[in-house]
Amino acid sequence: MNNEITISKLRSIENRLHILNNALKELKENPGSDKSETKSEFKKISPDWFNYFEGYAEKATTEYVRSQWGKILAGEIRQPGSFSLLTLRILAELDQRTAEWFKEEVRFRITNSDILLPEKYGSELLIRMNALEQNGLLGHIIPAAGIFKYFEPGNEKIVLLPEGNLCFRVYTDKIIKLAVIELTNAGREIATILPPVDPMSMFEKLAEAFKGKAKSADVCKINKKEENQMFLSDPIRTFF
């Protein structure tokens, strides 16, 4: 019995060391920005948060799962409060299949919070979405009514959706609504440790959704930003 306890403790220590090394590697590669921080604003990780984290993370045995917990720890070190206790619990309880579904779906989100629903979808997608909802990653799914995101044109009949140094631009003379499913707070937090969204893939998905509803859609580079104004380049890609 003592040998079993010792082996269990050694495994726990090994898992924690792997996660700590992964976190240090992540911080070295992506240290984040401390421009806005001052000594008076510096926050420490909550002891309660770290106790919960340690309890979940020490059970991680595969390198992939350890890497995810390492990213969580690195993110919390950069900005304490980035990951809630609920998010830790949800991540710890995710089975591999649901985690893969989530990873696949969030690759094509159109904002930090919204996953675009296709106009026609079958039972397989509903099964996936229901599983993600039940695991606390997506908001409530209403297939019949849908949850709509409204895109309202400005004075020049343009909708601008910036992403990084690029901007998706739509010309329309009416409000356009697209059916979306919203990520929960936990879903948004977990999405930050996954590979970043490829902007052009996101724009392609948006263009497909806007086609037939808007007059034209293209992508421009953002040359300059001033308060609420953006200065754009000529289109680098035109969809329609």
C-alpha atoms as a PDB file:
ATOM      1  CA  MET A   1       0.000   0.000   0.000  1.00  0.00           C
ATOM      2  CA  ASN A   2       2.808   2.422   0.907  1.00  0.00           C
ATOM      3  CA  ASN A   3       4.504   1.672  -2.410  1.00  0.00           C
ATOM      4  CA  GLU A   4       1.259   2.469  -4.274  1.00  0.00           C
ATOM      5  CA  ILE A   5       0.930   5.784  -2.428  1.00  0.00           C
ATOM      6  CA  THR A   6       4.545   6.634  -3.201  1.00  0.00           C
ATOM      7  CA  ILE A   7       4.090   5.820  -6.912  1.00  0.00           C
ATOM      8  CA  SER A   8       0.920   7.926  -7.014  1.00  0.00           C
ATOM      9  CA  LYS A   9       2.708  10.872  -5.392  1.00  0.00           C
ATOM     10  CA  LEU A  10       5.653  10.539  -7.771  1.00  0.00           C
ATOM     11  CA  ARG A  11       3.288  10.574 -10.770  1.00  0.00           C
ATOM     12  CA  SER A  12       1.572  13.652  -9.387  1.00  0.00           C
ATOM     13  CA  ILE A  13       4.905  15.424  -8.930  1.00  0.00           C
ATOM     14  CA  GLU A  14       6.020  14.400 -12.420  1.00  0.00           C
ATOM     15  CA  ASN A  15       2.804  15.768 -13.951  1.00  0.00           C
ATOM     16  CA  ARG A  16       3.138  19.074 -12.109  1.00  0.00           C
ATOM     17  CA  LEU A  17       6.782  19.450 -13.163  1.00  0.00           C
ATOM     18  CA  HIS A  18       5.862  18.838 -16.810  1.00  0.00           C
ATOM     19  CA  ILE A  19       3.106  21.457 -16.601  1.00  0.00           C
ATOM     20  CA  LEU A  20       5.405  23.962 -14.902  1.00  0.00           C
ATOM     21  CA  ASN A  21       8.030  23.458 -17.614  1.00  0.00           C
ATOM     22  CA  ASN A  22       5.363  23.915 -20.293  1.00  0.00           C
ATOM     23  CA  ALA A  23       4.184  27.120 -18.598  1.00  0.00           C
ATOM     24  CA  LEU A  24       7.742  28.492 -18.416  1.00  0.00           C
ATOM     25  CA  LYS A  25       8.272  27.648 -22.097  1.00  0.00           C
ATOM     26  CA  GLU A  26       5.001  29.387 -23.013  1.00  0.00           C
ATOM     27  CA  LEU A  27       5.953  32.493 -21.011  1.00  0.00           C
ATOM     28  CA  LYS A  28       9.357  32.598 -22.667  1.00  0.00           C
ATOM     29  CA  GLU A  29       7.834  32.362 -26.164  1.00  0.00           C
ATOM     30  CA  ASN A  30       4.879  34.657 -25.423  1.00  0.00           C
ATOM     31  CA  PRO A  31       5.758  36.905 -22.466  1.00  0.00           C
ATOM     32  CA  GLY A  32       2.805  39.220 -23.086  1.00  0.00           C
ATOM     33  CA  SER A  33       2.843  42.974 -22.559  1.00  0.00           C
ATOM     34  CA  ASP A  34       3.419  44.787 -19.285  1.00  0.00           C
ATOM     35  CA  LYS A  35       3.098  48.294 -20.717  1.00  0.00           C
ATOM     36  CA  SER A  36      -0.103  49.004 -18.828  1.00  0.00           C
ATOM     37  CA  GLU A  37       1.032  47.478 -15.547  1.00  0.00           C
ATOM     38  CA  THR A  38       2.428  49.400 -12.632  1.00  0.00           C
ATOM     39  CA  LYS A  39       3.544  48.085  -9.294  1.00  0.00           C
ATOM     40  CA  SER A  40       0.346  49.331  -7.691  1.00  0.00           C
ATOM     41  CA  GLU A  41      -1.720  47.447 -10.303  1.00  0.00           C
ATOM     42  CA  PHE A  42       0.193  44.189 -10.012  1.00  0.00           C
ATOM     43  CA  LYS A  43      -2.011  41.279  -8.999  1.00  0.00           C
ATOM     44  CA  LYS A  44      -1.023  37.918  -7.581  1.00  0.00           C
ATOM     45  CA  ILE A  45      -2.616  34.597  -8.430  1.00  0.00           C
ATOM     46  CA  SER A  46      -5.277  33.731  -5.896  1.00  0.00           C
ATOM     47  CA  PRO A  47      -4.180  30.916  -3.532  1.00  0.00           C
ATOM     48  CA  ASP A  48      -7.640  29.352  -3.933  1.00  0.00           C
ATOM     49  CA  TRP A  49      -7.261  29.421  -7.716  1.00  0.00           C
ATOM     50  CA  PHE A  50      -3.844  27.780  -7.509  1.00  0.00           C
ATOM     51  CA  ASN A  51      -5.128  25.048  -5.174  1.00  0.00           C
ATOM     52  CA  TYR A  52      -7.903  24.172  -7.620  1.00  0.00           C
ATOM     53  CA  PHE A  53      -5.485  24.339 -10.547  1.00  0.00           C
ATOM     54  CA  GLU A  54      -3.004  22.057  -8.826  1.00  0.00           C
ATOM     55  CA  GLY A  55      -5.716  19.523  -7.974  1.00  0.00           C
ATOM     56  CA  TYR A  56      -6.883  19.290 -11.583  1.00  0.00           C
ATOM     57  CA  ALA A  57      -3.525  19.600 -13.305  1.00  0.00           C
ATOM     58  CA  GLU A  58      -1.691  16.932 -11.308  1.00  0.00           C
ATOM     59  CA  LYS A  59      -3.937  14.294 -12.934  1.00  0.00           C
ATOM     60  CA  ALA A  60      -2.823  15.235 -16.457  1.00  0.00           C
ATOM     61  CA  THR A  61      -0.794  12.339 -17.850  1.00  0.00           C
ATOM     62  CA  THR A  62      -0.622  12.926 -21.628  1.00  0.00           C
ATOM     63  CA  GLU A  63       1.693  15.540 -23.106  1.00  0.00           C
ATOM     64  CA  TYR A  64      -1.166  17.258 -24.958  1.00  0.00           C
ATOM     65  CA  VAL A  65      -3.227  17.729 -21.794  1.00  0.00           C
ATOM     66  CA  ARG A  66      -0.145  18.858 -19.880  1.00  0.00           C
ATOM     67  CA  SER A  67       0.533  21.451 -22.568  1.00  0.00           C
ATOM     68  CA  GLN A  68      -3.020  22.812 -22.217  1.00  0.00           C
ATOM     69  CA  TRP A  69      -2.665  23.150 -18.442  1.00  0.00           C
ATOM     70  CA  GLY A  70       0.725  24.779 -18.987  1.00  0.00           C
ATOM     71  CA  LYS A  71      -0.919  27.409 -21.208  1.00  0.00           C
ATOM     72  CA  ILE A  72      -3.609  27.979 -18.569  1.00  0.00           C
ATOM     73  CA  LEU A  73      -0.963  28.564 -15.885  1.00  0.00           C
ATOM     74  CA  ALA A  74       1.050  30.851 -18.162  1.00  0.00           C
ATOM     75  CA  GLY A  75      -2.065  32.860 -18.999  1.00  0.00           C
ATOM     76  CA  GLU A  76      -2.967  33.235 -15.330  1.00  0.00           C
ATOM     77  CA  ILE A  77       0.583  34.350 -14.498  1.00  0.00           C
ATOM     78  CA  ARG A  78       0.430  36.993 -17.242  1.00  0.00           C
ATOM     79  CA  GLN A  79      -2.978  38.225 -16.144  1.00  0.00           C
ATOM     80  CA  PRO A  80      -4.460  36.831 -12.906  1.00  0.00           C
ATOM     81  CA  GLY A  81      -8.192  36.326 -13.277  1.00  0.00           C
ATOM     82  CA  SER A  82      -7.966  35.205 -16.916  1.00  0.00           C
ATOM     83  CA  PHE A  83      -9.357  31.755 -16.131  1.00  0.00           C
ATOM     84  CA  SER A  84     -12.228  31.223 -13.707  1.00  0.00           C
ATOM     85  CA  LEU A  85     -12.573  28.264 -11.350  1.00  0.00           C
ATOM     86  CA  LEU A  86     -15.530  27.131 -13.480  1.00  0.00           C
ATOM     87  CA  THR A  87     -13.292  27.111 -16.550  1.00  0.00           C
ATOM     88  CA  LEU A  88     -10.754  24.939 -14.724  1.00  0.00           C
ATOM     89  CA  ARG A  89     -13.455  22.448 -13.785  1.00  0.00           C
ATOM     90  CA  ILE A  90     -14.898  22.322 -17.306  1.00  0.00           C
ATOM     91  CA  LEU A  91     -11.457  21.794 -18.854  1.00  0.00           C
ATOM     92  CA  ALA A  92     -10.659  19.026 -16.353  1.00  0.00           C
ATOM     93  CA  GLU A  93     -13.910  17.191 -17.133  1.00  0.00           C
ATOM     94  CA  LEU A  94     -13.801  17.449 -20.945  1.00  0.00           C
ATOM     95  CA  ASP A  95     -13.491  14.105 -22.712  1.00  0.00           C
ATOM     96  CA  GLN A  96     -11.205  13.900 -25.713  1.00  0.00           C
ATOM     97  CA  ARG A  97     -13.978  13.725 -28.313  1.00  0.00           C
ATOM     98  CA  THR A  98     -15.775  16.836 -27.022  1.00  0.00           C
ATOM     99  CA  ALA A  99     -12.459  18.693 -26.736  1.00  0.00           C
ATOM    100  CA  GLU A 100     -11.702  17.890 -30.396  1.00  0.00           C
ATOM    101  CA  TRP A 101     -15.173  19.052 -31.446  1.00  0.00           C
ATOM    102  CA  PHE A 102     -14.678  22.332 -29.610  1.00  0.00           C
ATOM    103  CA  LYS A 103     -11.236  22.832 -31.115  1.00  0.00           C
ATOM    104  CA  GLU A 104     -12.655  22.263 -34.600  1.00  0.00           C
ATOM    105  CA  GLU A 105     -15.675  24.548 -34.208  1.00  0.00           C
ATOM    106  CA  VAL A 106     -13.877  27.546 -32.661  1.00  0.00           C
ATOM    107  CA  ARG A 107     -11.383  27.613 -35.528  1.00  0.00           C
ATOM    108  CA  PHE A 108     -14.115  29.232 -37.610  1.00  0.00           C
ATOM    109  CA  ARG A 109     -15.664  31.628 -35.131  1.00  0.00           C
ATOM    110  CA  ILE A 110     -16.470  34.985 -36.666  1.00  0.00           C
ATOM    111  CA  THR A 111     -15.809  37.015 -33.503  1.00  0.00           C
ATOM    112  CA  ASN A 112     -14.282  36.197 -30.123  1.00  0.00           C
ATOM    113  CA  SER A 113     -17.737  35.159 -28.949  1.00  0.00           C
ATOM    114  CA  ASP A 114     -19.725  33.871 -31.939  1.00  0.00           C
ATOM    115  CA  ILE A 115     -19.683  30.692 -33.991  1.00  0.00           C
ATOM    116  CA  LEU A 116     -21.528  31.093 -37.282  1.00  0.00           C
ATOM    117  CA  LEU A 117     -24.262  28.563 -37.984  1.00  0.00           C
ATOM    118  CA  PRO A 118     -24.686  27.388 -41.581  1.00  0.00           C
ATOM    119  CA  GLU A 119     -28.108  28.021 -43.106  1.00  0.00           C
ATOM    120  CA  LYS A 120     -28.629  24.279 -43.406  1.00  0.00           C
ATOM    121  CA  TYR A 121     -27.204  21.808 -40.945  1.00  0.00           C
ATOM    122  CA  GLY A 122     -27.867  18.204 -40.078  1.00  0.00           C
ATOM    123  CA  SER A 123     -28.107  16.027 -37.000  1.00  0.00           C
ATOM    124  CA  GLU A 124     -24.331  15.540 -36.721  1.00  0.00           C
ATOM    125  CA  LEU A 125     -23.716  19.251 -36.140  1.00  0.00           C
ATOM    126  CA  LEU A 126     -26.606  19.405 -33.653  1.00  0.00           C
ATOM    127  CA  ILE A 127     -25.114  16.477 -31.721  1.00  0.00           C
ATOM    128  CA  ARG A 128     -21.791  18.301 -31.549  1.00  0.00           C
ATOM    129  CA  MET A 129     -23.340  21.593 -30.511  1.00  0.00           C
ATOM    130  CA  ASN A 130     -25.513  19.937 -27.859  1.00  0.00           C
ATOM    131  CA  ALA A 131     -22.451  18.206 -26.410  1.00  0.00           C
ATOM    132  CA  LEU A 132     -20.570  21.514 -26.288  1.00  0.00           C
ATOM    133  CA  GLU A 133     -23.564  23.204 -24.661  1.00  0.00           C
ATOM    134  CA  GLN A 134     -23.931  20.465 -22.044  1.00  0.00           C
ATOM    135  CA  ASN A 135     -20.234  20.798 -21.202  1.00  0.00           C
ATOM    136  CA  GLY A 136     -20.599  24.533 -20.579  1.00  0.00           C
ATOM    137  CA  LEU A 137     -18.756  25.757 -23.673  1.00  0.00           C
ATOM    138  CA  LEU A 138     -21.672  27.086 -25.733  1.00  0.00           C
ATOM    139  CA  GLY A 139     -24.754  29.065 -24.844  1.00  0.00           C
ATOM    140  CA  HIS A 140     -28.265  27.684 -25.229  1.00  0.00           C
ATOM    141  CA  ILE A 141     -29.010  26.339 -28.700  1.00  0.00           C
ATOM    142  CA  ILE A 142     -32.407  27.200 -30.205  1.00  0.00           C
ATOM    143  CA  PRO A 143     -32.455  25.493 -33.628  1.00  0.00           C
ATOM    144  CA  ALA A 144     -35.921  26.771 -34.613  1.00  0.00           C
ATOM    145  CA  ALA A 145     -35.557  30.424 -33.631  1.00  0.00           C
ATOM    146  CA  GLY A 146     -31.783  30.820 -33.683  1.00  0.00           C
ATOM    147  CA  ILE A 147     -29.681  33.485 -31.992  1.00  0.00           C
ATOM    148  CA  PHE A 148     -28.959  36.249 -34.452  1.00  0.00           C
ATOM    149  CA  LYS A 149     -26.135  38.718 -34.725  1.00  0.00           C
ATOM    150  CA  TYR A 150     -27.169  41.908 -36.464  1.00  0.00           C
ATOM    151  CA  PHE A 151     -24.822  43.816 -38.758  1.00  0.00           C
ATOM    152  CA  GLU A 152     -25.957  47.403 -39.271  1.00  0.00           C
ATOM    153  CA  PRO A 153     -24.273  49.551 -41.935  1.00  0.00           C
ATOM    154  CA  GLY A 154     -22.856  52.952 -41.016  1.00  0.00           C
ATOM    155  CA  ASN A 155     -23.264  56.279 -42.804  1.00  0.00           C
ATOM    156  CA  GLU A 156     -21.454  55.003 -45.902  1.00  0.00           C
ATOM    157  CA  LYS A 157     -23.464  51.766 -45.965  1.00  0.00           C
ATOM    158  CA  ILE A 158     -20.412  49.818 -44.828  1.00  0.00           C
ATOM    159  CA  VAL A 159     -19.986  47.132 -42.144  1.00  0.00           C
ATOM    160  CA  LEU A 160     -16.398  46.854 -40.882  1.00  0.00           C
ATOM    161  CA  LEU A 161     -15.174  43.801 -38.946  1.00  0.00           C
ATOM    162  CA  PRO A 162     -11.488  44.227 -37.973  1.00  0.00           C
ATOM    163  CA  GLU A 163      -9.271  41.282 -37.039  1.00  0.00           C
ATOM    164  CA  GLY A 164      -5.634  41.999 -36.262  1.00  0.00           C
ATOM    165  CA  ASN A 165      -4.210  44.210 -39.015  1.00  0.00           C
ATOM    166  CA  LEU A 166      -6.903  43.155 -41.502  1.00  0.00           C
ATOM    167  CA  CYS A 167     -10.501  44.283 -41.935  1.00  0.00           C
ATOM    168  CA  PHE A 168     -13.472  42.534 -43.540  1.00  0.00           C
ATOM    169  CA  ARG A 169     -15.595  45.131 -45.348  1.00  0.00           C
ATOM    170  CA  VAL A 170     -19.192  44.670 -46.476  1.00  0.00           C
ATOM    171  CA  TYR A 171     -21.298  47.084 -48.513  1.00  0.00           C
ATOM    172  CA  THR A 172     -25.022  46.876 -47.776  1.00  0.00           C
ATOM    173  CA  ASP A 173     -27.999  49.221 -47.569  1.00  0.00           C
ATOM    174  CA  LYS A 174     -29.873  47.117 -45.019  1.00  0.00           C
ATOM    175  CA  ILE A 175     -29.372  45.415 -41.671  1.00  0.00           C
ATOM    176  CA  ILE A 176     -28.193  41.845 -42.126  1.00  0.00           C
ATOM    177  CA  LYS A 177     -28.713  39.123 -39.551  1.00  0.00           C
ATOM    178  CA  LEU A 178     -26.737  35.899 -39.305  1.00  0.00           C
ATOM    179  CA  ALA A 179     -27.526  32.909 -37.095  1.00  0.00           C
ATOM    180  CA  VAL A 180     -24.816  32.331 -34.498  1.00  0.00           C
ATOM    181  CA  ILE A 181     -24.156  30.378 -31.320  1.00  0.00           C
ATOM    182  CA  GLU A 182     -22.395  32.256 -28.555  1.00  0.00           C
ATOM    183  CA  LEU A 183     -19.451  30.918 -26.609  1.00  0.00           C
ATOM    184  CA  THR A 184     -19.872  30.970 -22.841  1.00  0.00           C
ATOM    185  CA  ASN A 185     -17.309  32.752 -20.657  1.00  0.00           C
ATOM    186  CA  ALA A 186     -15.590  29.407 -20.115  1.00  0.00           C
ATOM    187  CA  GLY A 187     -15.678  28.727 -23.854  1.00  0.00           C
ATOM    188  CA  ARG A 188     -14.043  32.076 -24.597  1.00  0.00           C
ATOM    189  CA  GLU A 189     -11.389  31.522 -21.955  1.00  0.00           C
ATOM    190  CA  ILE A 190     -10.513  28.026 -23.171  1.00  0.00           C
ATOM    191  CA  ALA A 191     -10.452  29.252 -26.781  1.00  0.00           C
ATOM    192  CA  THR A 192      -7.518  31.526 -25.869  1.00  0.00           C
ATOM    193  CA  ILE A 193      -5.227  28.515 -25.321  1.00  0.00           C
ATOM    194  CA  LEU A 194      -6.116  26.967 -28.693  1.00  0.00           C
ATOM    195  CA  PRO A 195      -4.408  27.851 -31.993  1.00  0.00           C
ATOM    196  CA  PRO A 196      -5.452  31.377 -33.072  1.00  0.00           C
ATOM    197  CA  VAL A 197      -8.120  31.868 -35.704  1.00  0.00           C
ATOM    198  CA  ASP A 198      -6.767  32.345 -39.211  1.00  0.00           C
ATOM    199  CA  PRO A 199      -8.291  35.716 -40.210  1.00  0.00           C
ATOM    200  CA  MET A 200      -8.633  34.847 -43.897  1.00  0.00           C
ATOM    201  CA  SER A 201     -10.432  31.585 -43.097  1.00  0.00           C
ATOM    202  CA  MET A 202     -12.796  33.560 -40.876  1.00  0.00           C
ATOM    203  CA  PHE A 203     -13.360  36.141 -43.623  1.00  0.00           C
ATOM    204  CA  GLU A 204     -14.076  33.409 -46.173  1.00  0.00           C
ATOM    205  CA  LYS A 205     -16.740  32.000 -43.887  1.00  0.00           C
ATOM    206  CA  LEU A 206     -18.219  35.468 -43.386  1.00  0.00           C
ATOM    207  CA  ALA A 207     -18.238  36.152 -47.123  1.00  0.00           C
ATOM    208  CA  GLU A 208     -20.118  32.925 -47.743  1.00  0.00           C
ATOM    209  CA  ALA A 209     -22.716  33.937 -45.138  1.00  0.00           C
ATOM    210  CA  PHE A 210     -23.090  37.493 -46.501  1.00  0.00           C
ATOM    211  CA  LYS A 211     -23.337  36.410 -50.140  1.00  0.00           C
ATOM    212  CA  GLY A 212     -26.794  37.116 -51.509  1.00  0.00           C
ATOM    213  CA  LYS A 213     -27.501  39.497 -48.606  1.00  0.00           C
ATOM    214  CA  ALA A 214     -24.898  42.212 -49.234  1.00  0.00           C
ATOM    215  CA  LYS A 215     -23.762  44.065 -52.360  1.00  0.00           C
ATOM    216  CA  SER A 216     -20.063  43.309 -52.047  1.00  0.00           C
ATOM    217  CA  ALA A 217     -17.434  42.059 -49.612  1.00  0.00           C
ATOM    218  CA  ASP A 218     -13.661  42.390 -49.529  1.00  0.00           C
ATOM    219  CA  VAL A 219     -10.629  42.423 -47.228  1.00  0.00           C
ATOM    220  CA  CYS A 220      -8.324  45.405 -46.671  1.00  0.00           C
ATOM    221  CA  LYS A 221      -5.254  46.051 -44.567  1.00  0.00           C
ATOM    222  CA  ILE A 222      -5.606  48.492 -41.685  1.00  0.00           C
ATOM    223  CA  ASN A 223      -3.003  51.166 -42.353  1.00  0.00           C
ATOM    224  CA  LYS A 224      -3.810  53.342 -39.353  1.00  0.00           C
ATOM    225  CA  LYS A 225      -6.230  53.665 -36.457  1.00  0.00           C
ATOM    226  CA  GLU A 226      -7.281  56.927 -34.837  1.00  0.00           C
ATOM    227  CA  GLU A 227      -9.895  56.850 -32.068  1.00  0.00           C
ATOM    228  CA  ASN A 228     -13.042  55.489 -33.765  1.00  0.00           C
ATOM    229  CA  GLN A 229     -11.680  55.755 -37.288  1.00  0.00           C
ATOM    230  CA  MET A 230      -9.730  53.283 -39.422  1.00  0.00           C
ATOM    231  CA  PHE A 231      -7.724  54.043 -42.544  1.00  0.00           C
ATOM    232  CA  LEU A 232      -7.790  51.106 -44.929  1.00  0.00           C
ATOM    233  CA  SER A 233      -5.706  50.050 -47.919  1.00  0.00           C
ATOM    234  CA  ASP A 234      -7.135  49.109 -51.275  1.00  0.00           C
ATOM    235  CA  PRO A 235      -8.723  45.619 -51.183  1.00  0.00           C
ATOM    236  CA  ILE A 236      -6.209  42.793 -51.028  1.00  0.00           C
ATOM    237  CA  ARG A 237      -8.979  40.274 -51.700  1.00  0.00           C
ATOM    238  CA  THR A 238     -12.469  40.664 -53.153  1.00  0.00           C
ATOM    239  CA  PHE A 239     -15.083  37.974 -52.518  1.00  0.00           C
ATOM    240  CA  PHE A 240     -18.019  39.303 -54.544  1.00  0.00           C
END
